[in-house]
């Protein structure tokens, strides 16, 4: 068995063995319950809003969405929830698909930073770098093995959500224009294409953000510092940039033909993917150097090596 496989199995037992997987699931349910409770409180007509329709565009829901605390499950609980499906018919309401997609989102958004800090910063705190180097593991192998072990339940949850969404989407059909009119049929088709685009692109953004969180956690040898840095980036810096991207995209009305809903989803994906790739390209090399216990060779960083000073006899 290779050292990389041994490290992977060791991390799987350490992170998810025994009751640890149950603790992870309990924390995920608690996050989902908090999201649902906060969203229902904000959407309630008696809490600062006269109607649900006004609450949907209110600043309170925008704030919840900014911090990732908005729950898609609240939409399916509305009396007029079918209005928000775009009129499409299928085995499941599209709101159910959004709910299924919000479960791995909550896991990646709120739980992954803490577990990345426990996995990478915890190992650095124990001084495991020299042990890995002695067994022949390189920093890229360490990141790959520990990353796969860390993402095991997250990937399973994401794959289940994506599979359910795609299987449900395959059963949808848009009414023909002769039945509902040309304009409404085009809007339904656009909504269905936006749903499909979201199902395909969202897991990619999750994986890029997961790689970024693992790289940030590798830079620290203290768990609480790594967790604070990961949450700062994941809950504040990335949402701010994402909010700016969405403000630019949604300032163009889809009905004018400038942007359709599915093209907005793809444009947002390209912008966020580029942002995460740029951040990952800056942080990952530093993370690999932090996981390498060998001293950096002179001039390895690109700077010329300083010549040794020669003592001249007096």
C-alpha atoms as a PDB file:
ATOM      1  CA  UNK A   1       0.000   0.000   0.000  1.00  0.00           C
ATOM      2  CA  UNK A   2       1.406   3.372  -1.028  1.00  0.00           C
ATOM      3  CA  UNK A   3       2.103   6.102   1.568  1.00  0.00           C
ATOM      4  CA  UNK A   4      -0.504   8.333  -0.080  1.00  0.00           C
ATOM      5  CA  UNK A   5      -3.176   5.653   0.310  1.00  0.00           C
ATOM      6  CA  UNK A   6      -2.148   5.097   3.928  1.00  0.00           C
ATOM      7  CA  UNK A   7      -2.480   8.816   4.617  1.00  0.00           C
ATOM      8  CA  UNK A   8      -5.910   8.847   2.964  1.00  0.00           C
ATOM      9  CA  UNK A   9      -7.178   5.930   5.049  1.00  0.00           C
ATOM     10  CA  UNK A  10      -5.741   7.417   8.215  1.00  0.00           C
ATOM     11  CA  UNK A  11      -7.501  10.738   7.608  1.00  0.00           C
ATOM     12  CA  UNK A  12     -10.795   9.034   6.789  1.00  0.00           C
ATOM     13  CA  UNK A  13     -10.699   7.171  10.118  1.00  0.00           C
ATOM     14  CA  UNK A  14      -9.625  10.291  12.016  1.00  0.00           C
ATOM     15  CA  UNK A  15     -12.216  12.631  10.492  1.00  0.00           C
ATOM     16  CA  UNK A  16     -15.193  10.379   9.864  1.00  0.00           C
ATOM     17  CA  UNK A  17     -14.710   7.274  12.002  1.00  0.00           C
ATOM     18  CA  UNK A  18     -17.011   6.340  14.862  1.00  0.00           C
ATOM     19  CA  UNK A  19     -19.515   9.033  15.819  1.00  0.00           C
ATOM     20  CA  UNK A  20     -17.702  11.810  13.941  1.00  0.00           C
ATOM     21  CA  UNK A  21     -19.806  11.343  10.811  1.00  0.00           C
ATOM     22  CA  UNK A  22     -22.941  11.513  12.962  1.00  0.00           C
ATOM     23  CA  UNK A  23     -21.664  14.738  14.516  1.00  0.00           C
ATOM     24  CA  UNK A  24     -21.122  16.170  11.033  1.00  0.00           C
ATOM     25  CA  UNK A  25     -24.674  15.221  10.011  1.00  0.00           C
ATOM     26  CA  UNK A  26     -26.083  16.727  13.214  1.00  0.00           C
ATOM     27  CA  UNK A  27     -24.231  19.990  12.591  1.00  0.00           C
ATOM     28  CA  UNK A  28     -25.559  20.059   9.017  1.00  0.00           C
ATOM     29  CA  UNK A  29     -29.151  19.574  10.197  1.00  0.00           C
ATOM     30  CA  UNK A  30     -28.667  22.378  12.740  1.00  0.00           C
ATOM     31  CA  UNK A  31     -27.416  24.735   9.987  1.00  0.00           C
ATOM     32  CA  UNK A  32     -30.372  23.856   7.738  1.00  0.00           C
ATOM     33  CA  UNK A  33     -32.815  24.408  10.597  1.00  0.00           C
ATOM     34  CA  UNK A  34     -31.251  27.792  11.357  1.00  0.00           C
ATOM     35  CA  UNK A  35     -31.500  28.814   7.699  1.00  0.00           C
ATOM     36  CA  UNK A  36     -35.151  27.773   7.536  1.00  0.00           C
ATOM     37  CA  UNK A  37     -36.088  29.510  10.790  1.00  0.00           C
ATOM     38  CA  UNK A  38     -34.418  32.798   9.848  1.00  0.00           C
ATOM     39  CA  UNK A  39     -35.926  32.790   6.352  1.00  0.00           C
ATOM     40  CA  UNK A  40     -39.448  32.068   7.601  1.00  0.00           C
ATOM     41  CA  UNK A  41     -39.154  34.809  10.219  1.00  0.00           C
ATOM     42  CA  UNK A  42     -38.086  37.355   7.615  1.00  0.00           C
ATOM     43  CA  UNK A  43     -40.735  36.256   5.092  1.00  0.00           C
ATOM     44  CA  UNK A  44     -43.557  36.364   7.643  1.00  0.00           C
ATOM     45  CA  UNK A  45     -45.944  39.238   6.881  1.00  0.00           C
ATOM     46  CA  UNK A  46     -46.000  40.384  10.513  1.00  0.00           C
ATOM     47  CA  UNK A  47     -42.249  40.883  10.728  1.00  0.00           C
ATOM     48  CA  UNK A  48     -41.582  44.179   9.026  1.00  0.00           C
ATOM     49  CA  UNK A  49     -43.185  43.104   5.713  1.00  0.00           C
ATOM     50  CA  UNK A  50     -46.775  43.511   4.548  1.00  0.00           C
ATOM     51  CA  UNK A  51     -46.727  40.607   2.102  1.00  0.00           C
ATOM     52  CA  UNK A  52     -44.571  37.713   1.028  1.00  0.00           C
ATOM     53  CA  UNK A  53     -44.134  39.285  -2.390  1.00  0.00           C
ATOM     54  CA  UNK A  54     -42.529  42.325  -0.810  1.00  0.00           C
ATOM     55  CA  UNK A  55     -40.397  40.141   1.431  1.00  0.00           C
ATOM     56  CA  UNK A  56     -38.955  38.337  -1.592  1.00  0.00           C
ATOM     57  CA  UNK A  57     -37.320  41.547  -2.747  1.00  0.00           C
ATOM     58  CA  UNK A  58     -36.673  43.002   0.680  1.00  0.00           C
ATOM     59  CA  UNK A  59     -33.341  43.916   2.138  1.00  0.00           C
ATOM     60  CA  UNK A  60     -33.704  41.332   4.916  1.00  0.00           C
ATOM     61  CA  UNK A  61     -33.693  38.407   2.488  1.00  0.00           C
ATOM     62  CA  UNK A  62     -30.842  39.949   0.539  1.00  0.00           C
ATOM     63  CA  UNK A  63     -28.849  40.103   3.761  1.00  0.00           C
ATOM     64  CA  UNK A  64     -29.648  36.459   4.553  1.00  0.00           C
ATOM     65  CA  UNK A  65     -28.654  35.441   1.049  1.00  0.00           C
ATOM     66  CA  UNK A  66     -25.414  37.429   1.334  1.00  0.00           C
ATOM     67  CA  UNK A  67     -24.313  35.411   4.376  1.00  0.00           C
ATOM     68  CA  UNK A  68     -25.636  32.118   2.987  1.00  0.00           C
ATOM     69  CA  UNK A  69     -28.469  31.915   5.524  1.00  0.00           C
ATOM     70  CA  UNK A  70     -31.342  31.961   3.030  1.00  0.00           C
ATOM     71  CA  UNK A  71     -33.283  28.681   2.863  1.00  0.00           C
ATOM     72  CA  UNK A  72     -34.821  27.458  -0.399  1.00  0.00           C
ATOM     73  CA  UNK A  73     -37.065  25.172   1.640  1.00  0.00           C
ATOM     74  CA  UNK A  74     -39.091  28.218   2.714  1.00  0.00           C
ATOM     75  CA  UNK A  75     -40.151  28.770  -0.894  1.00  0.00           C
ATOM     76  CA  UNK A  76     -41.759  25.319  -1.093  1.00  0.00           C
ATOM     77  CA  UNK A  77     -43.788  26.118   2.034  1.00  0.00           C
ATOM     78  CA  UNK A  78     -45.526  29.101   0.468  1.00  0.00           C
ATOM     79  CA  UNK A  79     -49.205  28.673  -0.498  1.00  0.00           C
ATOM     80  CA  UNK A  80     -48.415  29.819  -4.051  1.00  0.00           C
ATOM     81  CA  UNK A  81     -45.184  27.832  -4.386  1.00  0.00           C
ATOM     82  CA  UNK A  82     -46.158  26.530  -7.825  1.00  0.00           C
ATOM     83  CA  UNK A  83     -45.954  30.059  -9.194  1.00  0.00           C
ATOM     84  CA  UNK A  84     -42.215  29.984  -8.606  1.00  0.00           C
ATOM     85  CA  UNK A  85     -41.696  26.781 -10.644  1.00  0.00           C
ATOM     86  CA  UNK A  86     -42.185  28.681 -13.886  1.00  0.00           C
ATOM     87  CA  UNK A  87     -45.300  26.658 -14.732  1.00  0.00           C
ATOM     88  CA  UNK A  88     -43.298  23.569 -15.732  1.00  0.00           C
ATOM     89  CA  UNK A  89     -44.731  20.151 -14.988  1.00  0.00           C
ATOM     90  CA  UNK A  90     -42.750  17.129 -13.913  1.00  0.00           C
ATOM     91  CA  UNK A  91     -42.287  14.468 -11.231  1.00  0.00           C
ATOM     92  CA  UNK A  92     -41.153  17.061  -8.696  1.00  0.00           C
ATOM     93  CA  UNK A  93     -41.635  20.760  -8.250  1.00  0.00           C
ATOM     94  CA  UNK A  94     -38.515  22.695  -9.208  1.00  0.00           C
ATOM     95  CA  UNK A  95     -38.550  24.164  -5.694  1.00  0.00           C
ATOM     96  CA  UNK A  96     -37.845  20.633  -4.418  1.00  0.00           C
ATOM     97  CA  UNK A  97     -34.761  20.522  -6.638  1.00  0.00           C
ATOM     98  CA  UNK A  98     -33.579  23.847  -5.188  1.00  0.00           C
ATOM     99  CA  UNK A  99     -34.093  22.446  -1.683  1.00  0.00           C
ATOM    100  CA  UNK A 100     -32.030  19.360  -2.541  1.00  0.00           C
ATOM    101  CA  UNK A 101     -29.294  21.576  -3.921  1.00  0.00           C
ATOM    102  CA  UNK A 102     -29.258  23.794  -0.830  1.00  0.00           C
ATOM    103  CA  UNK A 103     -28.253  20.876   1.437  1.00  0.00           C
ATOM    104  CA  UNK A 104     -24.720  20.403   0.010  1.00  0.00           C
ATOM    105  CA  UNK A 105     -24.447  24.186  -0.290  1.00  0.00           C
ATOM    106  CA  UNK A 106     -24.909  24.519   3.474  1.00  0.00           C
ATOM    107  CA  UNK A 107     -22.345  21.774   4.064  1.00  0.00           C
ATOM    108  CA  UNK A 108     -19.709  23.353   1.806  1.00  0.00           C
ATOM    109  CA  UNK A 109     -20.435  26.883   2.996  1.00  0.00           C
ATOM    110  CA  UNK A 110     -20.571  26.438   6.771  1.00  0.00           C
ATOM    111  CA  UNK A 111     -18.961  23.094   7.700  1.00  0.00           C
ATOM    112  CA  UNK A 112     -16.108  22.695   5.226  1.00  0.00           C
ATOM    113  CA  UNK A 113     -13.981  25.627   6.543  1.00  0.00           C
ATOM    114  CA  UNK A 114     -13.992  24.191  10.067  1.00  0.00           C
ATOM    115  CA  UNK A 115     -13.151  20.661   8.922  1.00  0.00           C
ATOM    116  CA  UNK A 116     -10.428  21.944   6.584  1.00  0.00           C
ATOM    117  CA  UNK A 117      -8.851  23.751   9.523  1.00  0.00           C
ATOM    118  CA  UNK A 118      -9.055  20.607  11.676  1.00  0.00           C
ATOM    119  CA  UNK A 119      -7.499  18.458   8.957  1.00  0.00           C
ATOM    120  CA  UNK A 120      -4.660  20.615   7.618  1.00  0.00           C
ATOM    121  CA  UNK A 121      -3.872  23.073  10.407  1.00  0.00           C
ATOM    122  CA  UNK A 122      -4.315  20.318  12.997  1.00  0.00           C
ATOM    123  CA  UNK A 123      -1.760  18.155  11.198  1.00  0.00           C
ATOM    124  CA  UNK A 124       0.705  21.047  10.979  1.00  0.00           C
ATOM    125  CA  UNK A 125       0.240  21.745  14.685  1.00  0.00           C
ATOM    126  CA  UNK A 126       1.302  18.152  15.387  1.00  0.00           C
ATOM    127  CA  UNK A 127       4.376  18.551  13.175  1.00  0.00           C
ATOM    128  CA  UNK A 128       3.367  15.873  10.673  1.00  0.00           C
ATOM    129  CA  UNK A 129       5.248  17.479   7.771  1.00  0.00           C
ATOM    130  CA  UNK A 130       8.562  15.765   8.559  1.00  0.00           C
ATOM    131  CA  UNK A 131       6.807  12.433   8.969  1.00  0.00           C
ATOM    132  CA  UNK A 132       5.232  12.794   5.535  1.00  0.00           C
ATOM    133  CA  UNK A 133       8.555  13.781   3.961  1.00  0.00           C
ATOM    134  CA  UNK A 134      10.292  10.812   5.595  1.00  0.00           C
ATOM    135  CA  UNK A 135       7.714   8.439   4.097  1.00  0.00           C
ATOM    136  CA  UNK A 136       8.348   9.840   0.633  1.00  0.00           C
ATOM    137  CA  UNK A 137       5.204  11.966   0.296  1.00  0.00           C
ATOM    138  CA  UNK A 138       5.471  15.215  -1.620  1.00  0.00           C
ATOM    139  CA  UNK A 139       3.304  18.253  -0.706  1.00  0.00           C
ATOM    140  CA  UNK A 140       0.987  17.757  -3.750  1.00  0.00           C
ATOM    141  CA  UNK A 141       0.429  14.136  -2.690  1.00  0.00           C
ATOM    142  CA  UNK A 142      -0.334  15.260   0.870  1.00  0.00           C
ATOM    143  CA  UNK A 143      -2.872  17.826  -0.320  1.00  0.00           C
ATOM    144  CA  UNK A 144      -4.513  15.307  -2.661  1.00  0.00           C
ATOM    145  CA  UNK A 145      -4.749  12.492  -0.091  1.00  0.00           C
ATOM    146  CA  UNK A 146      -5.946  14.666   2.768  1.00  0.00           C
ATOM    147  CA  UNK A 147      -8.275  16.609   0.469  1.00  0.00           C
ATOM    148  CA  UNK A 148     -10.001  13.479  -0.814  1.00  0.00           C
ATOM    149  CA  UNK A 149     -10.427  12.192   2.730  1.00  0.00           C
ATOM    150  CA  UNK A 150     -11.809  15.534   3.867  1.00  0.00           C
ATOM    151  CA  UNK A 151     -14.272  15.875   0.974  1.00  0.00           C
ATOM    152  CA  UNK A 152     -15.604  12.307   1.147  1.00  0.00           C
ATOM    153  CA  UNK A 153     -19.047  13.060   2.706  1.00  0.00           C
ATOM    154  CA  UNK A 154     -19.263  16.447   0.967  1.00  0.00           C
ATOM    155  CA  UNK A 155     -18.742  14.852  -2.452  1.00  0.00           C
ATOM    156  CA  UNK A 156     -21.256  12.100  -1.679  1.00  0.00           C
ATOM    157  CA  UNK A 157     -23.853  14.691  -0.691  1.00  0.00           C
ATOM    158  CA  UNK A 158     -23.149  16.819  -3.761  1.00  0.00           C
ATOM    159  CA  UNK A 159     -23.318  13.800  -6.101  1.00  0.00           C
ATOM    160  CA  UNK A 160     -26.645  12.697  -4.597  1.00  0.00           C
ATOM    161  CA  UNK A 161     -28.100  16.190  -4.942  1.00  0.00           C
ATOM    162  CA  UNK A 162     -26.888  16.589  -8.513  1.00  0.00           C
ATOM    163  CA  UNK A 163     -28.131  13.121  -9.494  1.00  0.00           C
ATOM    164  CA  UNK A 164     -31.557  13.811  -8.010  1.00  0.00           C
ATOM    165  CA  UNK A 165     -31.739  17.174  -9.755  1.00  0.00           C
ATOM    166  CA  UNK A 166     -30.741  15.825 -13.168  1.00  0.00           C
ATOM    167  CA  UNK A 167     -33.075  12.820 -12.876  1.00  0.00           C
ATOM    168  CA  UNK A 168     -35.950  15.116 -11.938  1.00  0.00           C
ATOM    169  CA  UNK A 169     -35.096  17.602 -14.674  1.00  0.00           C
ATOM    170  CA  UNK A 170     -35.243  14.833 -17.270  1.00  0.00           C
ATOM    171  CA  UNK A 171     -38.947  14.393 -16.461  1.00  0.00           C
ATOM    172  CA  UNK A 172     -39.863  18.047 -17.027  1.00  0.00           C
ATOM    173  CA  UNK A 173     -41.542  19.346 -20.134  1.00  0.00           C
ATOM    174  CA  UNK A 174     -42.378  22.885 -21.135  1.00  0.00           C
ATOM    175  CA  UNK A 175     -45.923  23.503 -22.475  1.00  0.00           C
ATOM    176  CA  UNK A 176     -46.002  24.373 -26.190  1.00  0.00           C
ATOM    177  CA  UNK A 177     -46.570  27.995 -27.267  1.00  0.00           C
ATOM    178  CA  UNK A 178     -50.036  27.135 -28.586  1.00  0.00           C
ATOM    179  CA  UNK A 179     -51.105  26.231 -25.043  1.00  0.00           C
ATOM    180  CA  UNK A 180     -49.642  29.045 -22.923  1.00  0.00           C
ATOM    181  CA  UNK A 181     -48.561  31.620 -25.488  1.00  0.00           C
ATOM    182  CA  UNK A 182     -45.241  32.325 -27.169  1.00  0.00           C
ATOM    183  CA  UNK A 183     -43.852  34.725 -24.561  1.00  0.00           C
ATOM    184  CA  UNK A 184     -44.718  32.582 -21.547  1.00  0.00           C
ATOM    185  CA  UNK A 185     -43.475  29.413 -23.215  1.00  0.00           C
ATOM    186  CA  UNK A 186     -40.148  31.135 -23.961  1.00  0.00           C
ATOM    187  CA  UNK A 187     -39.862  32.254 -20.337  1.00  0.00           C
ATOM    188  CA  UNK A 188     -40.574  28.701 -19.125  1.00  0.00           C
ATOM    189  CA  UNK A 189     -37.938  27.317 -21.477  1.00  0.00           C
ATOM    190  CA  UNK A 190     -35.479  29.929 -20.238  1.00  0.00           C
ATOM    191  CA  UNK A 191     -36.243  29.008 -16.605  1.00  0.00           C
ATOM    192  CA  UNK A 192     -35.723  25.310 -17.309  1.00  0.00           C
ATOM    193  CA  UNK A 193     -32.394  26.007 -19.024  1.00  0.00           C
ATOM    194  CA  UNK A 194     -31.334  28.172 -16.073  1.00  0.00           C
ATOM    195  CA  UNK A 195     -32.185  25.321 -13.706  1.00  0.00           C
ATOM    196  CA  UNK A 196     -30.106  22.880 -15.749  1.00  0.00           C
ATOM    197  CA  UNK A 197     -27.196  25.320 -15.930  1.00  0.00           C
ATOM    198  CA  UNK A 198     -27.299  25.772 -12.164  1.00  0.00           C
ATOM    199  CA  UNK A 199     -27.301  22.007 -11.590  1.00  0.00           C
ATOM    200  CA  UNK A 200     -24.197  21.632 -13.773  1.00  0.00           C
ATOM    201  CA  UNK A 201     -22.166  24.637 -12.634  1.00  0.00           C
ATOM    202  CA  UNK A 202     -22.811  24.909  -8.889  1.00  0.00           C
ATOM    203  CA  UNK A 203     -20.858  21.748  -7.880  1.00  0.00           C
ATOM    204  CA  UNK A 204     -17.824  23.057  -9.789  1.00  0.00           C
ATOM    205  CA  UNK A 205     -17.877  26.284  -7.749  1.00  0.00           C
ATOM    206  CA  UNK A 206     -18.169  24.225  -4.554  1.00  0.00           C
ATOM    207  CA  UNK A 207     -15.090  22.179  -5.468  1.00  0.00           C
ATOM    208  CA  UNK A 208     -13.056  25.279  -6.334  1.00  0.00           C
ATOM    209  CA  UNK A 209     -14.001  26.907  -3.034  1.00  0.00           C
ATOM    210  CA  UNK A 210     -13.155  23.670  -1.200  1.00  0.00           C
ATOM    211  CA  UNK A 211      -9.679  23.645  -2.770  1.00  0.00           C
ATOM    212  CA  UNK A 212      -9.257  27.282  -1.750  1.00  0.00           C
ATOM    213  CA  UNK A 213     -10.317  26.541   1.837  1.00  0.00           C
ATOM    214  CA  UNK A 214      -7.844  23.648   2.087  1.00  0.00           C
ATOM    215  CA  UNK A 215      -5.041  25.823   0.729  1.00  0.00           C
ATOM    216  CA  UNK A 216      -5.810  28.604   3.208  1.00  0.00           C
ATOM    217  CA  UNK A 217      -5.956  26.142   6.099  1.00  0.00           C
ATOM    218  CA  UNK A 218      -2.555  24.729   5.106  1.00  0.00           C
ATOM    219  CA  UNK A 219      -0.941  28.118   5.653  1.00  0.00           C
ATOM    220  CA  UNK A 220      -1.614  28.057   9.408  1.00  0.00           C
ATOM    221  CA  UNK A 221      -0.299  25.878  12.213  1.00  0.00           C
ATOM    222  CA  UNK A 222      -3.118  26.825  14.597  1.00  0.00           C
ATOM    223  CA  UNK A 223      -6.617  25.469  14.085  1.00  0.00           C
ATOM    224  CA  UNK A 224      -8.480  28.554  15.289  1.00  0.00           C
ATOM    225  CA  UNK A 225      -6.419  30.849  13.040  1.00  0.00           C
ATOM    226  CA  UNK A 226      -7.008  28.622  10.041  1.00  0.00           C
ATOM    227  CA  UNK A 227     -10.742  28.439  10.759  1.00  0.00           C
ATOM    228  CA  UNK A 228     -10.969  32.224  11.178  1.00  0.00           C
ATOM    229  CA  UNK A 229      -9.148  32.818   7.887  1.00  0.00           C
ATOM    230  CA  UNK A 230     -11.316  30.287   6.023  1.00  0.00           C
ATOM    231  CA  UNK A 231     -14.567  31.728   7.351  1.00  0.00           C
ATOM    232  CA  UNK A 232     -13.409  35.277   6.633  1.00  0.00           C
ATOM    233  CA  UNK A 233     -12.790  34.405   2.994  1.00  0.00           C
ATOM    234  CA  UNK A 234     -15.821  32.133   2.581  1.00  0.00           C
ATOM    235  CA  UNK A 235     -18.429  34.197   4.434  1.00  0.00           C
ATOM    236  CA  UNK A 236     -17.268  37.746   3.738  1.00  0.00           C
ATOM    237  CA  UNK A 237     -14.717  38.293   0.956  1.00  0.00           C
ATOM    238  CA  UNK A 238     -16.138  35.882  -1.633  1.00  0.00           C
ATOM    239  CA  UNK A 239     -19.778  36.972  -1.011  1.00  0.00           C
ATOM    240  CA  UNK A 240     -18.784  40.628  -1.450  1.00  0.00           C
ATOM    241  CA  UNK A 241     -17.235  39.902  -4.841  1.00  0.00           C
ATOM    242  CA  UNK A 242     -20.163  37.623  -5.757  1.00  0.00           C
ATOM    243  CA  UNK A 243     -22.583  40.400  -4.811  1.00  0.00           C
ATOM    244  CA  UNK A 244     -20.753  42.784  -7.116  1.00  0.00           C
ATOM    245  CA  UNK A 245     -20.890  40.275  -9.969  1.00  0.00           C
ATOM    246  CA  UNK A 246     -24.615  39.701  -9.474  1.00  0.00           C
ATOM    247  CA  UNK A 247     -25.292  43.449  -9.278  1.00  0.00           C
ATOM    248  CA  UNK A 248     -23.663  43.879 -12.683  1.00  0.00           C
ATOM    249  CA  UNK A 249     -25.469  40.906 -14.230  1.00  0.00           C
ATOM    250  CA  UNK A 250     -28.943  41.529 -12.836  1.00  0.00           C
ATOM    251  CA  UNK A 251     -28.834  45.201 -13.768  1.00  0.00           C
ATOM    252  CA  UNK A 252     -29.576  44.013 -17.311  1.00  0.00           C
ATOM    253  CA  UNK A 253     -33.220  42.953 -17.594  1.00  0.00           C
ATOM    254  CA  UNK A 254     -33.630  39.538 -19.301  1.00  0.00           C
ATOM    255  CA  UNK A 255     -36.836  40.633 -21.062  1.00  0.00           C
ATOM    256  CA  UNK A 256     -34.902  43.144 -23.120  1.00  0.00           C
ATOM    257  CA  UNK A 257     -32.974  40.378 -24.793  1.00  0.00           C
ATOM    258  CA  UNK A 258     -29.612  41.535 -23.441  1.00  0.00           C
ATOM    259  CA  UNK A 259     -29.360  38.588 -21.052  1.00  0.00           C
ATOM    260  CA  UNK A 260     -31.549  35.540 -20.566  1.00  0.00           C
ATOM    261  CA  UNK A 261     -31.757  33.803 -17.215  1.00  0.00           C
ATOM    262  CA  UNK A 262     -29.688  30.796 -18.254  1.00  0.00           C
ATOM    263  CA  UNK A 263     -27.016  33.036 -19.806  1.00  0.00           C
ATOM    264  CA  UNK A 264     -26.858  34.961 -16.505  1.00  0.00           C
ATOM    265  CA  UNK A 265     -26.228  31.664 -14.691  1.00  0.00           C
ATOM    266  CA  UNK A 266     -23.412  30.758 -17.073  1.00  0.00           C
ATOM    267  CA  UNK A 267     -21.882  34.251 -16.936  1.00  0.00           C
ATOM    268  CA  UNK A 268     -22.006  34.221 -13.139  1.00  0.00           C
ATOM    269  CA  UNK A 269     -20.363  30.786 -13.145  1.00  0.00           C
ATOM    270  CA  UNK A 270     -17.517  31.965 -15.375  1.00  0.00           C
ATOM    271  CA  UNK A 271     -16.958  35.041 -13.212  1.00  0.00           C
ATOM    272  CA  UNK A 272     -16.945  33.104  -9.927  1.00  0.00           C
ATOM    273  CA  UNK A 273     -14.837  30.289 -11.368  1.00  0.00           C
ATOM    274  CA  UNK A 274     -12.290  32.805 -12.595  1.00  0.00           C
ATOM    275  CA  UNK A 275     -12.241  34.502  -9.210  1.00  0.00           C
ATOM    276  CA  UNK A 276     -11.712  31.234  -7.350  1.00  0.00           C
ATOM    277  CA  UNK A 277      -9.054  30.051  -9.792  1.00  0.00           C
ATOM    278  CA  UNK A 278      -7.160  33.324  -9.433  1.00  0.00           C
ATOM    279  CA  UNK A 279      -7.275  33.107  -5.634  1.00  0.00           C
ATOM    280  CA  UNK A 280      -6.299  29.442  -5.729  1.00  0.00           C
ATOM    281  CA  UNK A 281      -3.380  30.172  -8.032  1.00  0.00           C
ATOM    282  CA  UNK A 282      -2.083  32.708  -5.522  1.00  0.00           C
ATOM    283  CA  UNK A 283      -2.614  30.647  -2.346  1.00  0.00           C
ATOM    284  CA  UNK A 284      -1.845  27.073  -3.462  1.00  0.00           C
ATOM    285  CA  UNK A 285       1.914  27.572  -4.087  1.00  0.00           C
ATOM    286  CA  UNK A 286       2.272  29.079  -0.614  1.00  0.00           C
ATOM    287  CA  UNK A 287       0.340  26.146   0.867  1.00  0.00           C
ATOM    288  CA  UNK A 288       2.625  23.632  -0.842  1.00  0.00           C
ATOM    289  CA  UNK A 289       5.713  25.424   0.500  1.00  0.00           C
ATOM    290  CA  UNK A 290       4.178  25.453   4.002  1.00  0.00           C
ATOM    291  CA  UNK A 291       3.684  21.672   3.865  1.00  0.00           C
ATOM    292  CA  UNK A 292       7.274  21.063   2.759  1.00  0.00           C
ATOM    293  CA  UNK A 293       9.579  20.658   5.800  1.00  0.00           C
ATOM    294  CA  UNK A 294      12.742  20.953   3.723  1.00  0.00           C
ATOM    295  CA  UNK A 295      14.431  24.360   3.840  1.00  0.00           C
ATOM    296  CA  UNK A 296      14.004  26.427   0.712  1.00  0.00           C
ATOM    297  CA  UNK A 297      17.076  26.406  -1.490  1.00  0.00           C
ATOM    298  CA  UNK A 298      18.770  29.745  -2.161  1.00  0.00           C
ATOM    299  CA  UNK A 299      17.336  31.358  -5.246  1.00  0.00           C
ATOM    300  CA  UNK A 300      14.418  28.914  -5.432  1.00  0.00           C
ATOM    301  CA  UNK A 301      11.886  31.713  -5.108  1.00  0.00           C
ATOM    302  CA  UNK A 302      13.226  33.386  -8.230  1.00  0.00           C
ATOM    303  CA  UNK A 303      15.496  35.890  -6.472  1.00  0.00           C
ATOM    304  CA  UNK A 304      19.214  35.579  -7.122  1.00  0.00           C
ATOM    305  CA  UNK A 305      21.174  33.906  -4.382  1.00  0.00           C
ATOM    306  CA  UNK A 306      23.140  36.295  -2.216  1.00  0.00           C
ATOM    307  CA  UNK A 307      26.877  35.698  -2.635  1.00  0.00           C
ATOM    308  CA  UNK A 308      28.762  34.675   0.466  1.00  0.00           C
ATOM    309  CA  UNK A 309      30.904  37.348   2.054  1.00  0.00           C
ATOM    310  CA  UNK A 310      34.608  36.694   1.688  1.00  0.00           C
ATOM    311  CA  UNK A 311      36.814  37.774   4.592  1.00  0.00           C
ATOM    312  CA  UNK A 312      39.919  39.559   3.410  1.00  0.00           C
ATOM    313  CA  UNK A 313      43.024  39.277   5.494  1.00  0.00           C
ATOM    314  CA  UNK A 314      44.140  42.501   7.146  1.00  0.00           C
END
